[in-house]
Amino acid sequence: MTTEPQQQSARDRFIGVLRSRGMLKPGEEWVIDANLNAFAHELADRQRAWAQENQGALAGNAWDKVHDAINLIDPEQS
C-alpha cells in the first residue's frame, strides 16, 4: 500500500471542479476536451511563430529540440 495520493491529470482535476460546482453534467466532457485541444493548438502555434522568428538564434540542433517540445503539445499535421 502506498501513501502517495493518486495522480490525476489537470484535465481530470478541472472536470472534477466543474462537476462539484454543478457546472458540468455527465457526458459533457467533450466540451472540455474540445476547448483544451483548441487552447493547446493556439499555444503551439504561438510557440511555432516565436521559433520561426528566432530561428537564427537557435544554434545547432536547438531548432529541432524546440519543435519537438512544441509538437508534444500539439503535433504538426503533415
C-alpha atoms as a PDB file:
ATOM      1  CA  MET A   1       0.000   0.000   0.000  1.00  0.00           C
ATOM      2  CA  THR A   2       1.325   3.449  -0.902  1.00  0.00           C
ATOM      3  CA  THR A   3       0.822   6.705   0.948  1.00  0.00           C
ATOM      4  CA  GLU A   4       1.140   8.823  -2.194  1.00  0.00           C
ATOM      5  CA  PRO A   5      -2.094  10.374  -3.479  1.00  0.00           C
ATOM      6  CA  GLN A   6      -3.383   9.095  -6.784  1.00  0.00           C
ATOM      7  CA  GLN A   7      -2.090  11.258  -9.620  1.00  0.00           C
ATOM      8  CA  GLN A   8      -4.762  12.967 -11.697  1.00  0.00           C
ATOM      9  CA  SER A   9      -4.267  14.949 -14.850  1.00  0.00           C
ATOM     10  CA  ALA A  10      -5.015  18.667 -14.905  1.00  0.00           C
ATOM     11  CA  ARG A  11      -7.951  17.834 -17.177  1.00  0.00           C
ATOM     12  CA  ASP A  12      -9.405  15.402 -14.645  1.00  0.00           C
ATOM     13  CA  ARG A  13      -8.982  17.882 -11.790  1.00  0.00           C
ATOM     14  CA  PHE A  14     -10.641  20.619 -13.859  1.00  0.00           C
ATOM     15  CA  ILE A  15     -13.566  18.355 -14.741  1.00  0.00           C
ATOM     16  CA  GLY A  16     -13.858  17.366 -11.072  1.00  0.00           C
ATOM     17  CA  VAL A  17     -14.104  21.012 -10.014  1.00  0.00           C
ATOM     18  CA  LEU A  18     -16.726  21.766 -12.647  1.00  0.00           C
ATOM     19  CA  ARG A  19     -18.775  18.727 -11.618  1.00  0.00           C
ATOM     20  CA  SER A  20     -18.527  19.576  -7.911  1.00  0.00           C
ATOM     21  CA  ARG A  21     -19.980  23.002  -8.653  1.00  0.00           C
ATOM     22  CA  GLY A  22     -22.765  21.656 -10.840  1.00  0.00           C
ATOM     23  CA  MET A  23     -21.268  23.236 -13.935  1.00  0.00           C
ATOM     24  CA  LEU A  24     -20.724  20.016 -15.902  1.00  0.00           C
ATOM     25  CA  LYS A  25     -23.121  17.157 -16.451  1.00  0.00           C
ATOM     26  CA  PRO A  26     -22.086  13.563 -17.215  1.00  0.00           C
ATOM     27  CA  GLY A  27     -21.364  13.158 -20.923  1.00  0.00           C
ATOM     28  CA  GLU A  28     -20.326  16.775 -21.430  1.00  0.00           C
ATOM     29  CA  GLU A  29     -16.599  16.103 -21.080  1.00  0.00           C
ATOM     30  CA  TRP A  30     -16.246  16.520 -24.829  1.00  0.00           C
ATOM     31  CA  VAL A  31     -16.792  20.269 -24.386  1.00  0.00           C
ATOM     32  CA  ILE A  32     -13.789  20.476 -22.062  1.00  0.00           C
ATOM     33  CA  ASP A  33     -11.675  18.303 -24.359  1.00  0.00           C
ATOM     34  CA  ALA A  34     -12.558  20.384 -27.425  1.00  0.00           C
ATOM     35  CA  ASN A  35     -11.642  23.617 -25.667  1.00  0.00           C
ATOM     36  CA  LEU A  36      -8.433  22.238 -24.147  1.00  0.00           C
ATOM     37  CA  ASN A  37      -7.384  20.945 -27.573  1.00  0.00           C
ATOM     38  CA  ALA A  38      -8.142  24.327 -29.155  1.00  0.00           C
ATOM     39  CA  PHE A  39      -6.092  26.077 -26.464  1.00  0.00           C
ATOM     40  CA  ALA A  40      -3.176  23.650 -26.919  1.00  0.00           C
ATOM     41  CA  HIS A  41      -3.241  24.242 -30.681  1.00  0.00           C
ATOM     42  CA  GLU A  42      -3.287  28.023 -30.217  1.00  0.00           C
ATOM     43  CA  LEU A  43      -0.412  27.858 -27.732  1.00  0.00           C
ATOM     44  CA  ALA A  44       1.654  25.630 -30.017  1.00  0.00           C
ATOM     45  CA  ASP A  45       1.020  27.941 -32.991  1.00  0.00           C
ATOM     46  CA  ARG A  46       2.267  30.900 -30.939  1.00  0.00           C
ATOM     47  CA  GLN A  47       5.372  28.944 -29.975  1.00  0.00           C
ATOM     48  CA  ARG A  48       5.978  27.910 -33.591  1.00  0.00           C
ATOM     49  CA  ALA A  49       5.712  31.556 -34.662  1.00  0.00           C
ATOM     50  CA  TRP A  50       8.220  32.555 -31.971  1.00  0.00           C
ATOM     51  CA  ALA A  51      10.594  29.786 -33.026  1.00  0.00           C
ATOM     52  CA  GLN A  52      10.307  30.845 -36.670  1.00  0.00           C
ATOM     53  CA  GLU A  53      11.078  34.480 -35.777  1.00  0.00           C
ATOM     54  CA  ASN A  54      14.059  33.431 -33.649  1.00  0.00           C
ATOM     55  CA  GLN A  55      15.355  30.671 -35.892  1.00  0.00           C
ATOM     56  CA  GLY A  56      18.697  32.398 -36.351  1.00  0.00           C
ATOM     57  CA  ALA A  57      19.310  32.478 -32.595  1.00  0.00           C
ATOM     58  CA  LEU A  58      18.746  28.735 -32.230  1.00  0.00           C
ATOM     59  CA  ALA A  59      22.165  27.152 -32.592  1.00  0.00           C
ATOM     60  CA  GLY A  60      22.892  23.610 -33.693  1.00  0.00           C
ATOM     61  CA  ASN A  61      20.069  21.147 -33.156  1.00  0.00           C
ATOM     62  CA  ALA A  62      18.193  23.543 -30.838  1.00  0.00           C
ATOM     63  CA  TRP A  63      15.716  24.205 -33.680  1.00  0.00           C
ATOM     64  CA  ASP A  64      14.749  20.518 -33.779  1.00  0.00           C
ATOM     65  CA  LYS A  65      14.545  20.327 -29.984  1.00  0.00           C
ATOM     66  CA  VAL A  66      12.265  23.375 -29.842  1.00  0.00           C
ATOM     67  CA  HIS A  67       9.947  21.887 -32.437  1.00  0.00           C
ATOM     68  CA  ASP A  68       9.991  18.503 -30.709  1.00  0.00           C
ATOM     69  CA  ALA A  69       8.860  20.185 -27.496  1.00  0.00           C
ATOM     70  CA  ILE A  70       6.154  22.169 -29.284  1.00  0.00           C
ATOM     71  CA  ASN A  71       4.926  19.032 -31.030  1.00  0.00           C
ATOM     72  CA  LEU A  72       4.437  17.366 -27.638  1.00  0.00           C
ATOM     73  CA  ILE A  73       1.721  19.952 -27.001  1.00  0.00           C
ATOM     74  CA  ASP A  74       0.192  19.854 -30.467  1.00  0.00           C
ATOM     75  CA  PRO A  75       1.677  17.682 -33.243  1.00  0.00           C
ATOM     76  CA  GLU A  76       2.020  19.418 -36.582  1.00  0.00           C
ATOM     77  CA  GLN A  77      -0.215  17.997 -39.263  1.00  0.00           C
ATOM     78  CA  SER A  78       1.785  16.609 -42.163  1.00  0.00           C
END
